[in-house]
Amino acid sequence: MRRRVHIRIKGRVQGVFFRAAIEEQAKKLKIKGWVRNTGDDVEVLVEGENGSIQDLLEFCIIGPKGAKVTSVDISELPYTSEFEEFRKE
């Protein structure tokens, strides 16, 4: 089953290479979409296989070294297959 998920990660997520870590995980898991900073948060929109998306969500809860995640908001969206790769914005 394929999923499309919008994720907003809050906490100490700026200046700790969170976007780069998300990009690395997404590419390793063959997930497509994007990640970007939005003020004090990190926002992610991804599409991929259910198991891979679940693995990425688990990573988002912990984050890279130096991050302190206080909340992860997840919204399920209809799968569209619009992305060809994963990128940082």
Protein backbone atom coordinates (compact mmCIF):
# COMPACT_ATOMS: atom_id res chain seq x y z
CA MET A 1 0.00 0.00 0.00
CA ARG A 2 1.26 3.46 -0.89
CA ARG A 3 0.79 6.53 1.28
CA ARG A 4 1.13 10.29 1.07
CA VAL A 5 1.86 11.99 4.39
CA HIS A 6 2.37 15.60 5.45
CA ILE A 7 4.56 15.91 8.56
CA ARG A 8 5.29 18.94 10.73
CA ILE A 9 8.10 18.47 13.24
CA LYS A 10 8.42 20.89 16.16
CA GLY A 11 11.09 21.38 18.80
CA ARG A 12 14.80 22.08 18.49
CA VAL A 13 14.95 21.14 14.81
CA GLN A 14 16.84 24.11 13.34
CA GLY A 15 20.63 24.14 13.16
CA VAL A 16 20.95 20.38 13.77
CA PHE A 17 20.94 19.22 10.11
CA PHE A 18 17.40 17.88 10.42
CA ARG A 19 16.57 18.49 6.74
CA ALA A 20 19.74 16.73 5.61
CA ALA A 21 19.01 13.78 7.89
CA ILE A 22 15.44 13.52 6.58
CA GLU A 23 16.72 13.67 3.01
CA GLU A 24 19.24 10.90 3.70
CA GLN A 25 16.61 8.67 5.33
CA ALA A 26 14.05 9.31 2.58
CA LYS A 27 16.50 8.42 -0.18
CA LYS A 28 17.60 5.30 1.68
CA LEU A 29 13.94 4.27 2.06
CA LYS A 30 13.09 5.14 -1.58
CA ILE A 31 10.59 7.79 -0.51
CA LYS A 32 9.80 10.72 -2.76
CA GLY A 33 8.76 14.27 -1.84
CA TRP A 34 10.39 17.21 -0.08
CA VAL A 35 11.53 18.69 3.23
CA ARG A 36 11.82 22.37 4.17
CA ASN A 37 12.23 24.71 7.12
CA THR A 38 9.16 26.74 8.06
CA GLY A 39 10.06 29.26 10.73
CA ASP A 40 10.95 27.20 13.79
CA ASP A 41 9.61 23.89 12.41
CA VAL A 42 10.50 21.36 9.73
CA GLU A 43 7.82 20.41 7.21
CA VAL A 44 7.89 17.22 5.13
CA LEU A 45 5.61 15.95 2.35
CA VAL A 46 6.33 12.39 1.27
CA GLU A 47 4.96 9.53 -0.79
CA GLY A 48 6.02 5.91 -0.71
CA GLU A 49 5.32 2.40 0.47
CA ASN A 50 3.59 2.11 3.83
CA GLY A 51 6.53 0.39 5.58
CA SER A 52 9.01 2.98 4.35
CA ILE A 53 6.76 5.87 5.39
CA GLN A 54 6.39 4.28 8.83
CA ASP A 55 10.19 3.99 9.16
CA LEU A 56 10.58 7.68 8.24
CA LEU A 57 7.90 8.69 10.76
CA GLU A 58 9.77 6.80 13.48
CA PHE A 59 12.96 8.66 12.54
CA CYS A 60 11.11 12.00 12.69
CA ILE A 61 10.09 11.32 16.29
CA ILE A 62 13.75 10.99 17.32
CA GLY A 63 15.55 13.16 14.77
CA PRO A 64 19.29 13.47 14.24
CA LYS A 65 21.86 14.01 16.99
CA GLY A 66 21.35 17.41 18.61
CA ALA A 67 17.63 17.61 17.84
CA LYS A 68 14.96 17.67 20.52
CA VAL A 69 11.60 16.85 18.96
CA THR A 70 8.63 18.03 21.02
CA SER A 71 5.85 17.06 18.60
CA VAL A 72 5.22 15.47 15.23
CA ASP A 73 1.94 16.30 13.51
CA ILE A 74 0.95 13.84 10.78
CA SER A 75 -1.75 14.28 8.15
CA GLU A 76 -2.69 11.50 5.74
CA LEU A 77 -3.45 12.74 2.22
CA PRO A 78 -4.58 11.01 -0.98
CA TYR A 79 -1.66 9.40 -2.82
CA THR A 80 -0.92 11.24 -6.09
CA SER A 81 2.41 9.89 -7.36
CA GLU A 82 3.47 13.43 -8.27
CA PHE A 83 7.11 13.25 -7.15
CA GLU A 84 10.03 11.82 -9.11
CA GLU A 85 12.65 12.22 -6.36
CA PHE A 86 13.22 13.57 -2.87
CA ARG A 87 14.60 17.08 -2.40
CA LYS A 88 15.36 19.71 0.18
CA GLU A 89 13.61 23.03 -0.39
